[in-house]
Protein backbone atom coordinates (compact mmCIF):
# COMPACT_ATOMS: atom_id res chain seq x y z
CA MET A 1 116.62 103.37 86.02
CA ASN A 2 112.77 102.11 85.26
CA CYS A 3 110.07 105.36 85.69
CA ILE A 4 107.64 104.56 88.29
CA MET A 5 104.99 106.94 87.79
CA CYS A 6 102.17 105.83 84.94
CA PRO A 7 101.94 101.42 84.10
CA MET A 8 104.80 102.59 81.33
CA GLY A 9 107.11 101.54 82.78
CA CYS A 10 109.88 103.96 81.18
CA GLU A 11 113.52 102.28 80.77
CA MET A 12 115.24 105.66 81.09
CA THR A 13 118.83 107.17 81.37
CA VAL A 14 119.44 109.53 83.70
CA MET A 15 122.20 111.72 82.15
CA LEU A 16 124.63 113.90 85.40
CA GLU A 17 127.45 117.02 84.76
CA ASN A 18 130.08 116.64 87.28
CA GLY A 19 127.18 114.98 90.08
CA LYS A 20 124.53 117.47 89.44
CA PHE A 21 121.35 116.59 86.90
CA ALA A 22 121.69 117.71 82.98
CA GLY A 23 118.46 114.83 81.37
CA VAL A 24 116.71 112.12 80.87
CA THR A 25 116.01 109.80 77.90
CA GLY A 26 114.04 107.69 77.58
CA ASN A 27 110.12 108.78 79.31
CA SER A 28 107.42 109.48 77.14
CA CYS A 29 105.42 111.76 79.41
CA PRO A 30 106.96 115.08 81.75
CA ARG A 31 106.26 113.39 84.71
CA GLY A 32 109.01 110.44 83.68
CA ALA A 33 111.08 113.22 83.10
CA LYS A 34 110.80 114.65 87.03
CA TYR A 35 110.51 111.71 88.54
CA ALA A 36 114.08 111.23 86.79
CA GLU A 37 115.39 114.65 87.76
CA THR A 38 113.67 114.26 91.77
CA GLU A 39 114.84 110.59 92.47
CA VAL A 40 117.99 111.19 91.81
CA THR A 41 118.88 114.90 93.29
CA ASP A 42 116.29 114.16 96.93
CA PRO A 43 114.65 111.08 96.18
CA ARG A 44 111.23 111.07 97.74
CA ARG A 45 109.47 108.39 99.42
CA MET A 46 105.94 107.43 101.52
CA LEU A 47 105.23 106.25 105.06
CA THR A 48 103.33 103.75 105.67
CA THR A 49 104.03 101.97 109.52
CA THR A 50 101.93 101.50 112.40
CA VAL A 51 101.85 103.20 116.02
CA ARG A 52 100.57 101.72 119.35
CA ILE A 53 96.86 102.62 120.71
CA LYS A 54 94.94 102.45 123.48
CA GLY A 55 91.66 102.05 124.23
CA GLY A 56 91.20 100.09 120.18
CA LEU A 57 89.53 97.83 119.01
CA LEU A 58 93.34 96.31 117.66
CA PRO A 59 96.92 97.24 119.76
CA LEU A 60 98.32 98.97 116.16
CA LEU A 61 96.88 102.03 114.36
CA PRO A 62 98.15 101.52 110.74
CA VAL A 63 99.26 105.59 109.63
CA VAL A 64 101.45 106.41 106.70
CA SER A 65 102.54 110.12 105.61
CA ALA A 66 100.03 112.95 104.72
CA ASP A 67 103.45 114.11 101.70
CA VAL A 68 106.54 112.05 100.16
CA LEU A 69 109.18 112.22 103.06
CA PRO A 70 113.54 112.93 102.24
CA LYS A 71 114.23 109.45 101.71
CA GLY A 72 117.48 109.41 104.37
CA LYS A 73 114.33 110.39 106.99
CA VAL A 74 111.90 107.69 106.80
CA ALA A 75 114.36 105.93 109.17
CA ASP A 76 114.93 108.66 111.44
CA CYS A 77 111.23 109.19 110.91
CA VAL A 78 110.40 104.97 111.62
CA VAL A 79 112.24 105.10 114.96
CA TYR A 80 110.38 108.21 116.02
CA LEU A 81 106.86 106.73 115.65
CA ARG A 82 108.32 103.88 118.24
CA ASP A 83 107.49 105.91 120.89
CA VAL A 84 104.03 107.54 120.11
CA ILE A 85 100.62 105.97 121.61
CA VAL A 86 97.45 107.21 121.05
CA GLU A 87 93.88 106.39 122.73
CA ALA A 88 91.15 105.19 120.76
CA PRO A 89 88.37 106.30 118.96
CA VAL A 90 90.63 107.68 115.96
CA LYS A 91 89.28 108.70 112.20
CA ALA A 92 90.61 108.17 109.66
CA GLY A 93 92.50 110.89 108.28
CA ASP A 94 93.25 112.08 111.75
CA VAL A 95 96.84 113.38 112.57
CA ILE A 96 98.75 111.44 114.25
CA VAL A 97 102.20 113.65 114.90
CA PRO A 98 101.69 117.04 113.23
CA ASP A 99 104.93 118.10 110.96
CA ILE A 100 106.83 114.69 112.53
CA LEU A 101 110.82 115.27 112.79
CA GLY A 102 110.38 118.90 111.27
CA LEU A 103 110.54 117.48 107.74
CA GLY A 104 106.65 119.44 106.92
CA VAL A 105 105.53 116.67 106.51
CA ASP A 106 102.19 115.86 108.90
CA ILE A 107 102.02 111.49 109.98
CA VAL A 108 97.19 110.70 110.02
CA ALA A 109 96.48 107.74 110.36
CA SER A 110 94.54 104.92 108.06
CA ARG A 111 91.69 103.76 109.48
CA ASP A 112 88.65 104.44 111.99
CA MET A 113 89.90 102.59 115.18
CA ALA A 114 86.40 101.62 118.09
CA ARG A 115 86.66 102.55 121.10
CA VAL A 116 86.20 99.36 123.24
CA ASN A 117 84.32 99.57 126.17
CA ASP A 118 86.29 98.28 129.48
């Protein structure tokens, strides 16, 4: 696997014993080893998407997960967010969905969205 923790992009080999992480070679730093272990045992991803917004300058508001989510739950989160509608105005960093799906991660606005005067 290629490490994505820094621009070096180390080519790493992950060793598994009985389906469990047993070590890694090829990494230049400890961050690579941690990334490799997490990627094979509990992969996680950031989520960036949009939700609908009423009264905003644009019809969609960009949002992002405040932290990484379990990779296997990202699609479920996107499905949940399809039904979310927020009211303008919104500031970047505002929590749009707290603790999405009970995963302990908030979904936050990634930009300001002013209210359009009707």
